N, C-alpha and C. Protein backbone atom coordinates (compact mmCIF):
# COMPACT_ATOMS: atom_id res chain seq x y z
N MET A 1 99.88 100.53 127.15
CA MET A 1 99.94 100.77 125.55
C MET A 1 99.54 100.00 124.65
N ASP A 2 99.71 98.73 124.94
CA ASP A 2 99.84 97.29 123.91
C ASP A 2 98.11 96.81 124.46
N GLU A 3 97.69 97.52 125.17
CA GLU A 3 96.15 96.78 125.00
C GLU A 3 95.64 98.10 123.99
N VAL A 4 96.00 99.63 124.36
CA VAL A 4 95.24 100.32 123.87
C VAL A 4 95.79 100.65 122.53
N ALA A 5 97.07 100.02 122.23
CA ALA A 5 97.08 99.84 120.27
C ALA A 5 96.65 99.16 119.44
N ASP A 6 96.51 97.73 120.47
CA ASP A 6 95.26 97.03 119.66
C ASP A 6 93.41 97.24 119.75
N ARG A 7 93.14 98.04 120.21
CA ARG A 7 92.22 98.58 119.95
C ARG A 7 91.68 99.03 119.18
N VAL A 8 92.73 100.38 118.56
CA VAL A 8 93.19 101.09 117.70
C VAL A 8 93.64 100.41 116.49
N ALA A 9 93.86 99.36 116.39
CA ALA A 9 94.16 98.46 115.97
C ALA A 9 92.91 97.68 114.51
N GLY A 10 92.70 97.05 116.18
CA GLY A 10 90.68 96.88 115.52
C GLY A 10 89.63 97.43 114.82
N LEU A 11 89.99 98.80 116.13
CA LEU A 11 89.47 99.81 114.95
C LEU A 11 89.65 100.28 113.65
N LEU A 12 90.73 100.54 113.43
CA LEU A 12 91.19 100.40 111.92
C LEU A 12 90.57 99.41 110.90
N LEU A 13 91.38 98.31 111.52
CA LEU A 13 89.92 97.10 111.13
C LEU A 13 88.81 97.23 111.16
N ASP A 14 88.23 97.74 111.13
CA ASP A 14 86.39 97.41 110.86
C ASP A 14 86.25 98.54 109.38
N ASP A 15 87.13 99.46 109.61
CA ASP A 15 86.74 99.75 108.44
C ASP A 15 88.55 100.19 108.23
N PRO A 16 89.15 99.51 107.08
CA PRO A 16 90.76 99.22 107.17
C PRO A 16 90.85 101.15 105.97
N PRO A 17 91.19 102.12 106.14
CA PRO A 17 92.47 103.02 105.56
C PRO A 17 93.15 102.63 104.38
N GLU A 18 93.43 103.41 104.05
CA GLU A 18 94.17 103.94 102.79
C GLU A 18 95.58 104.55 103.62
N LEU A 19 95.26 105.59 104.13
CA LEU A 19 96.35 106.06 104.92
C LEU A 19 95.92 106.63 106.25
N VAL A 20 96.70 106.78 107.13
CA VAL A 20 96.99 107.35 109.14
C VAL A 20 97.17 108.03 109.08
N VAL A 21 96.99 109.12 110.03
CA VAL A 21 97.86 110.90 110.12
C VAL A 21 97.72 110.27 111.40
N THR A 22 98.60 110.61 112.26
CA THR A 22 98.80 110.68 113.56
C THR A 22 100.03 111.61 113.59
N PHE A 23 99.99 111.80 114.89
CA PHE A 23 101.35 112.85 115.58
C PHE A 23 103.20 112.00 115.54
N GLY A 24 103.87 112.82 114.94
CA GLY A 24 105.64 111.94 114.75
C GLY A 24 105.47 112.08 116.62
N PRO A 25 107.12 111.05 116.16
CA PRO A 25 107.80 111.10 117.66
C PRO A 25 107.79 112.49 118.96
N ASP A 26 107.27 113.22 118.21
CA ASP A 26 107.71 114.38 119.21
C ASP A 26 107.04 115.22 119.27
N GLY A 27 105.71 114.34 119.13
CA GLY A 27 103.74 115.63 119.47
C GLY A 27 103.86 116.73 118.93
N LEU A 28 104.36 117.12 117.42
CA LEU A 28 104.61 118.42 117.06
C LEU A 28 105.10 119.78 118.58
N THR A 29 104.81 119.51 119.78
CA THR A 29 104.73 119.98 121.08
C THR A 29 105.53 119.25 121.75
N ARG A 30 106.37 118.10 121.91
CA ARG A 30 106.34 117.46 123.14
C ARG A 30 105.73 117.63 123.96
N HIS A 31 104.77 117.61 124.33
CA HIS A 31 103.54 117.08 124.91
C HIS A 31 103.25 115.89 125.42
N ARG A 32 102.91 115.01 126.02
CA ARG A 32 102.92 113.94 126.84
C ARG A 32 101.82 113.33 125.18
N TYR A 33 100.61 114.49 125.91
CA TYR A 33 99.04 113.94 125.26
C TYR A 33 99.13 114.57 124.02
N HIS A 34 100.37 114.94 123.19
CA HIS A 34 100.31 114.27 121.52
C HIS A 34 101.44 113.45 121.39
N VAL A 35 102.53 113.14 122.16
CA VAL A 35 103.50 112.33 122.39
C VAL A 35 102.85 110.78 122.25
N GLN A 36 102.22 110.76 123.48
CA GLN A 36 101.44 109.31 123.31
C GLN A 36 100.62 108.36 122.17
N PRO A 37 99.40 110.04 122.31
CA PRO A 37 98.44 109.24 121.12
C PRO A 37 99.07 109.03 119.31
N GLY A 38 100.42 109.42 118.94
CA GLY A 38 101.45 109.52 117.80
C GLY A 38 101.77 107.71 118.24
N GLU A 39 102.28 107.75 119.41
CA GLU A 39 103.17 106.25 119.14
C GLU A 39 101.74 105.23 119.26
N ILE A 40 100.73 105.53 119.72
CA ILE A 40 100.27 104.18 120.15
C ILE A 40 99.34 104.17 118.38
N GLY A 41 99.06 105.72 117.92
CA GLY A 41 98.20 105.90 116.46
C GLY A 41 99.50 105.10 115.58
N THR A 42 101.51 105.10 116.01
CA THR A 42 101.99 104.26 115.30
C THR A 42 102.22 103.10 114.92
N GLU A 43 102.11 102.68 115.87
CA GLU A 43 101.56 101.07 116.51
C GLU A 43 101.05 100.67 116.02
N ALA A 44 99.47 101.42 115.65
CA ALA A 44 98.10 100.25 115.84
C ALA A 44 97.64 100.22 114.09
N PHE A 45 98.69 101.55 113.40
CA PHE A 45 98.82 101.11 111.98
C PHE A 45 99.70 99.98 111.77
N HIS A 46 100.95 99.79 112.02
CA HIS A 46 101.73 98.71 112.24
C HIS A 46 101.31 97.28 112.17
N ARG A 47 100.15 97.38 113.53
CA ARG A 47 99.28 96.26 113.45
C ARG A 47 98.53 96.13 112.33
N ALA A 48 97.63 96.89 112.29
CA ALA A 48 96.60 96.70 111.77
C ALA A 48 96.59 96.28 110.10
N ARG A 49 98.23 96.98 109.76
CA ARG A 49 98.38 97.09 107.99
C ARG A 49 99.47 95.39 107.90
N ARG A 50 99.48 94.73 109.14
CA ARG A 50 100.28 92.85 109.07
C ARG A 50 98.95 92.44 108.68
N ARG A 51 98.17 92.50 109.71
CA ARG A 51 96.10 91.89 109.38
C ARG A 51 95.33 92.55 108.50
N GLY A 52 95.27 93.50 107.62
CA GLY A 52 94.57 94.36 107.07
C GLY A 52 94.73 93.57 105.39
N PRO A 53 93.46 94.21 104.58
CA PRO A 53 93.75 93.76 103.18
C PRO A 53 95.00 94.58 102.32
N PRO A 54 95.87 94.48 100.91
CA PRO A 54 96.58 94.79 100.60
C PRO A 54 96.26 96.40 100.20
N SER A 55 94.88 96.36 100.12
CA SER A 55 94.02 98.13 99.11
C SER A 55 94.58 98.92 100.63
N ALA A 56 95.00 98.33 101.89
CA ALA A 56 94.45 99.13 103.10
C ALA A 56 96.15 99.31 103.52
N PHE A 57 96.53 100.60 104.20
CA PHE A 57 97.47 100.86 105.03
C PHE A 57 98.52 100.81 104.58
N ARG A 58 98.11 102.08 102.89
CA ARG A 58 99.79 101.93 102.64
C ARG A 58 100.80 103.16 102.15
N ARG A 59 99.65 104.29 103.28
CA ARG A 59 100.88 105.45 104.16
C ARG A 59 100.28 105.79 105.05
N LEU A 60 101.77 105.88 106.48
CA LEU A 60 101.54 106.41 107.80
C LEU A 60 102.20 107.93 107.27
N TYR A 61 101.09 109.32 108.02
CA TYR A 61 102.21 109.73 107.68
C TYR A 61 101.32 110.71 109.42
N HIS A 62 102.70 111.14 109.70
CA HIS A 62 103.11 112.18 110.90
C HIS A 62 103.14 113.94 110.46
N VAL A 63 101.88 113.99 110.91
CA VAL A 63 102.17 115.76 111.33
C VAL A 63 102.67 116.53 111.84
N VAL A 64 103.36 117.44 111.08
CA VAL A 64 105.02 118.20 111.45
C VAL A 64 104.27 120.03 110.88
N GLN A 65 104.93 120.69 111.79
CA GLN A 65 106.16 122.17 111.91
C GLN A 65 107.55 121.76 110.55
N ARG A 66 107.28 122.79 109.38
CA ARG A 66 108.17 122.86 108.42
C ARG A 66 109.04 124.13 109.79
N ARG A 67 110.30 122.90 109.68
CA ARG A 67 111.07 124.05 109.84
C ARG A 67 111.77 125.52 110.29
N SER A 68 112.02 125.99 108.37
CA SER A 68 111.56 127.39 108.31
C SER A 68 110.52 128.02 108.80
N ALA A 69 109.27 127.95 108.66
CA ALA A 69 108.63 128.06 109.31
C ALA A 69 108.22 128.38 110.24
N MET A 70 108.97 127.27 111.01
CA MET A 70 108.96 128.28 113.02
C MET A 70 110.26 128.83 113.37
N ASP A 71 111.44 128.79 112.32
CA ASP A 71 112.13 129.56 112.48
C ASP A 71 112.01 130.40 112.35
N ALA A 72 111.12 131.12 110.94
CA ALA A 72 110.86 132.50 111.16
C ALA A 72 110.11 132.89 112.12
N TYR A 73 108.52 132.11 112.31
CA TYR A 73 107.87 132.56 112.92
C TYR A 73 108.41 133.19 114.89
N TYR A 74 109.69 132.11 115.65
CA TYR A 74 110.39 132.34 116.94
C TYR A 74 111.15 133.34 116.29
N GLY A 75 111.91 133.61 115.44
CA GLY A 75 112.73 135.44 114.82
C GLY A 75 112.41 136.63 115.28
N ALA A 76 110.89 136.30 114.65
CA ALA A 76 110.04 136.95 114.77
C ALA A 76 109.50 137.69 115.60
N ALA A 77 108.89 136.58 116.75
CA ALA A 77 108.31 136.76 117.77
C ALA A 77 109.53 137.74 119.36
N ARG A 78 111.04 136.82 118.65
CA ARG A 78 112.23 137.59 118.93
C ARG A 78 112.34 138.95 119.06
N ARG A 79 112.88 139.54 117.43
CA ARG A 79 112.88 140.94 117.14
C ARG A 79 111.58 141.78 118.22
N ARG A 80 110.27 141.40 118.09
CA ARG A 80 109.30 141.92 118.70
C ARG A 80 109.27 141.84 120.12
N GLY A 81 110.00 141.36 121.34
CA GLY A 81 110.18 140.98 122.28
C GLY A 81 108.87 140.17 122.77
N LEU A 82 108.20 139.36 121.92
CA LEU A 82 107.21 138.72 122.79
C LEU A 82 107.88 137.03 124.14
N PRO A 83 107.03 137.51 124.45
CA PRO A 83 108.43 135.97 125.43
C PRO A 83 106.98 134.73 125.38
N MET A 84 107.18 134.52 123.75
CA MET A 84 106.87 132.75 123.48
C MET A 84 107.96 132.19 123.26
N GLY A 85 109.09 132.57 124.12
CA GLY A 85 110.00 130.83 124.47
C GLY A 85 110.62 130.27 122.97
N GLY A 86 110.52 129.59 122.50
CA GLY A 86 111.74 129.21 121.16
C GLY A 86 111.34 127.40 120.99
N PRO A 87 111.64 126.51 120.04
CA PRO A 87 111.17 125.59 120.01
C PRO A 87 111.68 124.77 120.87
N ASP A 88 113.02 124.61 121.72
CA ASP A 88 112.78 124.17 122.92
C ASP A 88 111.80 124.45 124.49
N THR A 89 110.79 125.77 124.38
CA THR A 89 110.55 125.31 125.30
C THR A 89 109.39 124.58 125.05
N MET A 90 108.90 123.56 126.31
CA MET A 90 107.27 122.93 126.30
C MET A 90 106.18 123.40 126.09
N MET A 91 105.74 122.30 124.97
CA MET A 91 104.33 123.02 124.09
C MET A 91 104.29 123.86 123.35
N ASN A 92 105.77 124.67 122.65
CA ASN A 92 105.57 124.72 121.24
C ASN A 92 105.94 124.44 120.53
N PRO A 93 105.21 124.83 119.34
CA PRO A 93 105.91 123.97 118.10
C PRO A 93 107.67 123.79 117.70
N VAL A 94 107.26 122.50 117.70
CA VAL A 94 109.28 122.10 117.23
C VAL A 94 109.19 122.31 115.43
N GLY A 95 109.39 121.92 114.31
CA GLY A 95 109.81 122.48 113.06
C GLY A 95 110.65 121.46 113.13
N VAL A 96 110.85 120.04 111.99
CA VAL A 96 111.26 119.35 110.65
C VAL A 96 111.81 120.05 110.31
N PRO A 97 112.73 118.99 109.15
CA PRO A 97 114.26 120.14 108.32
C PRO A 97 112.98 120.03 107.22
N ASP A 98 112.83 121.04 106.33
CA ASP A 98 112.34 120.77 105.83
C ASP A 98 112.38 119.83 104.64
N ALA A 99 113.30 119.45 104.19
CA ALA A 99 113.40 118.61 103.00
C ALA A 99 113.13 117.47 103.61
N SER A 100 112.34 117.04 104.43
CA SER A 100 111.91 115.73 105.19
C SER A 100 110.49 115.95 104.77
N ILE A 101 109.87 117.06 104.58
CA ILE A 101 108.23 116.99 103.87
C ILE A 101 108.21 116.47 103.09
N ALA A 102 106.34 115.75 103.15
CA ALA A 102 106.69 114.30 101.64
C ALA A 102 105.31 114.91 101.24
N VAL A 103 104.25 115.98 101.91
CA VAL A 103 103.03 116.89 101.70
C VAL A 103 102.95 118.01 102.66
N ASP A 104 102.43 118.92 101.83
CA ASP A 104 102.35 120.22 102.07
C ASP A 104 101.19 120.58 101.53
N VAL A 105 100.12 120.99 102.43
CA VAL A 105 98.90 121.43 102.01
C VAL A 105 98.62 122.60 102.53
N ASP A 106 98.21 123.85 101.28
CA ASP A 106 98.62 125.14 101.74
C ASP A 106 96.17 125.07 101.57
N VAL A 107 96.57 125.57 102.84
CA VAL A 107 95.13 125.79 103.71
C VAL A 107 93.82 127.34 103.85
N ILE A 108 95.58 127.98 102.92
CA ILE A 108 94.76 129.15 103.18
C ILE A 108 93.57 129.72 102.34
N PRO A 109 92.91 128.79 101.40
CA PRO A 109 91.48 128.94 101.19
C PRO A 109 90.57 128.75 102.10
N VAL A 110 90.50 128.11 103.08
CA VAL A 110 90.34 127.71 104.18
C VAL A 110 90.58 127.89 105.31
N TYR A 111 91.86 129.10 105.72
CA TYR A 111 92.36 129.11 106.77
C TYR A 111 91.52 130.21 107.87
N GLY A 112 90.61 130.91 107.58
CA GLY A 112 89.21 131.39 108.47
C GLY A 112 88.16 130.12 109.00
N ARG A 113 87.77 129.45 108.47
CA ARG A 113 87.05 128.25 109.12
C ARG A 113 88.46 127.24 109.63
N LYS A 114 89.67 127.52 109.58
CA LYS A 114 90.15 126.60 110.32
C LYS A 114 90.28 127.05 111.93
N LEU A 115 90.85 128.32 111.76
CA LEU A 115 90.82 129.61 112.53
C LEU A 115 89.29 129.31 113.90
N ALA A 116 88.85 129.81 113.20
CA ALA A 116 87.06 129.59 113.64
C ALA A 116 86.99 127.51 113.91
N ALA A 117 87.90 126.48 113.43
CA ALA A 117 87.35 125.27 114.55
C ALA A 117 87.72 125.56 115.47
N ILE A 118 89.78 125.87 115.01
CA ILE A 118 90.43 125.92 116.67
C ILE A 118 89.88 126.75 117.38
N ARG A 119 89.05 127.54 117.18
CA ARG A 119 88.58 128.11 118.60
C ARG A 119 87.51 127.54 119.05
N ARG A 120 87.03 126.50 117.99
CA ARG A 120 85.93 125.44 119.39
C ARG A 120 86.47 124.88 119.58
N HIS A 121 87.84 124.72 119.95
CA HIS A 121 87.98 123.90 121.09
C HIS A 121 89.11 124.66 121.97
N ARG A 122 88.10 124.57 123.46
CA ARG A 122 88.37 125.41 124.51
C ARG A 122 89.78 125.31 125.66
N SER A 123 90.61 124.54 124.62
CA SER A 123 92.22 124.32 124.83
C SER A 123 93.10 124.86 124.68
N GLN A 124 92.26 125.54 122.97
CA GLN A 124 93.44 125.87 122.43
C GLN A 124 93.10 127.65 121.84
N ILE A 125 91.84 127.89 122.47
CA ILE A 125 91.76 128.79 122.87
C ILE A 125 93.31 130.31 123.29
N ASP A 126 93.51 130.12 124.72
CA ASP A 126 94.50 131.14 125.06
C ASP A 126 96.00 130.22 123.99
N GLU A 127 95.89 129.65 123.48
CA GLU A 127 97.80 129.39 122.77
C GLU A 127 97.27 129.81 121.09
N LEU A 128 95.79 130.10 120.54
CA LEU A 128 96.07 130.78 119.69
C LEU A 128 96.31 131.97 119.89
N ASP A 129 95.43 133.12 121.27
CA ASP A 129 95.57 134.06 121.44
C ASP A 129 97.01 134.78 122.22
N ARG A 130 97.53 134.09 121.89
CA ARG A 130 99.29 134.69 122.85
C ARG A 130 99.82 134.66 121.52
N ILE A 131 99.21 134.40 120.51
CA ILE A 131 100.21 134.89 119.16
C ILE A 131 99.48 135.48 118.27
N PRO A 132 100.29 136.98 117.95
CA PRO A 132 100.02 138.51 117.25
C PRO A 132 99.11 137.78 115.70
N SER A 133 98.08 138.04 115.82
CA SER A 133 97.23 136.68 114.06
C SER A 133 98.80 137.15 113.10
N ASP A 134 99.18 138.26 113.11
CA ASP A 134 99.81 138.04 111.38
C ASP A 134 100.78 137.33 111.93
N LEU A 135 100.83 136.27 112.98
CA LEU A 135 102.34 135.96 112.69
C LEU A 135 101.58 134.46 112.95
N GLN A 136 100.35 133.83 113.34
CA GLN A 136 100.30 132.90 113.22
C GLN A 136 100.07 131.81 111.82
N PRO A 137 100.41 132.28 110.05
CA PRO A 137 99.62 131.79 109.47
C PRO A 137 101.10 131.09 109.46
N LEU A 138 102.19 131.75 110.06
CA LEU A 138 103.91 131.15 109.85
C LEU A 138 102.92 129.51 110.08
N HIS A 139 102.76 129.35 110.95
CA HIS A 139 102.26 128.01 111.33
C HIS A 139 101.55 127.25 111.02
N LEU A 140 100.23 127.33 110.82
CA LEU A 140 99.02 127.22 110.84
C LEU A 140 98.19 127.66 108.71
N ALA A 141 99.34 128.38 108.67
CA ALA A 141 98.67 128.90 106.71
C ALA A 141 99.47 127.55 106.04
N HIS A 142 99.68 126.40 106.42
CA HIS A 142 100.35 124.95 105.57
C HIS A 142 100.29 123.78 107.00
N GLU A 143 99.54 122.84 106.58
CA GLU A 143 99.91 121.47 106.94
C GLU A 143 101.06 120.57 106.46
N CYS A 144 101.12 120.55 106.85
CA CYS A 144 102.70 119.51 106.66
C CYS A 144 102.69 118.08 107.18
N PHE A 145 103.32 117.29 106.48
CA PHE A 145 103.86 115.91 107.07
C PHE A 145 104.59 115.13 106.43
N VAL A 146 105.18 114.04 106.92
CA VAL A 146 106.60 113.13 106.86
C VAL A 146 105.36 112.15 106.17
N GLN A 147 106.62 111.62 105.73
CA GLN A 147 105.59 109.86 105.27
C GLN A 147 107.41 108.99 106.37
N ALA A 148 105.90 108.53 107.11
CA ALA A 148 106.67 107.77 108.34
C ALA A 148 106.79 106.44 107.76
N TRP A 149 105.47 106.28 106.93
CA TRP A 149 105.14 104.31 106.29
C TRP A 149 104.79 104.71 104.79
N PRO A 150 105.21 103.59 103.97
CA PRO A 150 106.71 103.52 103.75
C PRO A 150 107.53 104.45 103.77
N GLU A 151 108.40 103.99 104.28
CA GLU A 151 109.68 105.23 104.00
C GLU A 151 109.85 105.82 102.42
N PRO A 152 109.95 106.93 102.47
CA PRO A 152 109.61 107.28 101.04
C PRO A 152 111.28 107.89 100.17
N ALA A 153 110.92 107.52 99.18
CA ALA A 153 111.43 107.35 97.85
C ALA A 153 113.43 107.88 97.86
N GLY A 154 112.81 109.54 98.71
CA GLY A 154 113.56 110.37 98.55
C GLY A 154 113.82 110.94 97.26
N SER A 155 112.65 111.02 96.59
CA SER A 155 112.50 112.06 95.37
C SER A 155 112.52 113.39 95.31
N GLY A 156 112.48 113.95 96.64
CA GLY A 156 112.72 115.67 96.55
C GLY A 156 110.88 116.24 96.32
N HIS A 157 110.16 115.53 95.97
CA HIS A 157 109.00 116.08 95.50
C HIS A 157 108.07 116.05 97.12
N VAL A 158 107.41 117.57 97.30
CA VAL A 158 106.60 117.34 98.29
C VAL A 158 105.26 117.60 97.40
N ARG A 159 104.30 116.49 97.61
CA ARG A 159 102.94 116.47 97.40
C ARG A 159 102.15 117.78 98.10
N SER A 160 101.17 117.94 96.87
CA SER A 160 100.34 119.09 98.31
C SER A 160 99.19 118.07 98.33
N ASP A 161 98.67 116.89 98.69
CA ASP A 161 97.44 115.91 98.25
C ASP A 161 98.53 115.10 98.98
N LEU A 162 97.57 114.68 100.69
CA LEU A 162 98.04 113.67 101.15
C LEU A 162 97.69 112.71 100.03
N PHE A 163 96.33 111.95 99.64
CA PHE A 163 96.10 111.49 98.71
C PHE A 163 97.14 111.11 97.50
N ALA A 164 97.72 111.99 96.93
CA ALA A 164 98.15 111.66 95.44
C ALA A 164 99.27 110.61 95.78
N ASP A 165 99.08 110.14 94.07
CA ASP A 165 100.12 109.29 93.96
C ASP A 165 99.71 107.70 94.42
N LEU A 166 98.51 107.88 95.08
CA LEU A 166 98.14 106.66 95.48
C LEU A 166 96.63 106.18 94.20
N ALA A 167 97.20 104.90 93.81
CA ALA A 167 96.58 104.92 92.62
C ALA A 167 95.35 104.04 93.44
N PRO A 168 94.23 104.28 92.98
CA PRO A 168 93.20 103.67 92.82
C PRO A 168 92.84 101.82 93.79
N ALA A 169 92.86 101.90 93.95
CA ALA A 169 92.67 99.85 94.29
C ALA A 169 91.50 99.01 93.62
N ALA A 170 91.88 97.77 93.83
CA ALA A 170 91.30 96.98 93.06
C ALA A 170 89.45 97.79 92.91
N THR A 171 89.28 96.96 94.63
CA THR A 171 88.05 97.71 95.22
C THR A 171 87.35 98.68 95.49
N ASP A 172 88.11 99.76 94.75
CA ASP A 172 87.61 101.27 94.81
C ASP A 172 86.70 101.07 92.78
N LEU A 173 87.44 99.98 92.55
CA LEU A 173 87.19 100.33 90.84
C LEU A 173 85.54 99.58 90.58
N GLY A 174 85.19 98.81 92.13
CA GLY A 174 84.11 97.80 91.62
C GLY A 174 85.14 96.72 90.52
N MET A 175 86.28 95.98 90.97
CA MET A 175 87.01 94.52 90.32
C MET A 175 86.94 93.87 91.14
N ILE A 176 85.98 93.60 92.06
CA ILE A 176 86.49 92.39 93.06
C ILE A 176 85.72 91.51 92.94
N GLY A 177 86.39 89.96 92.99
CA GLY A 177 87.25 89.09 92.60
C GLY A 177 86.83 88.83 90.64
């Protein structure tokens, strides 16, 4: 993991971004193929942040699901008698407390394109097809993120844009040297 985190940090330093998005500690589904990349991405972010320019690495986000949406989803599946399991079932999405959400992007305007993109990934087709289409929006109509770094001030304000509240860096305005 140490070697991979160094390699990813190096890639980030090649073209330093303002923000990085990765999986959080639960990997969204507790699957090791999500958990481990999230650990690597988080560590790589911090390594690159320590070595990168001040205009970069200003935020680290972890992709999450809103707990209230997941509760509604699993509740609806249970009421229909669907064999979906629940948030404790491996590979099922888990939710985080709604109050911890920093960014909630409504993707309804591009929802059809999002579903088409998911269907392009062969490993996701069965996952998507096992969910009744009317329940899919409960966990696919919004992209939610917690702000992992810097620690959010706790304003309770949920942004609708990952880049909201980021003032343009001096280099972005052509004010170098």
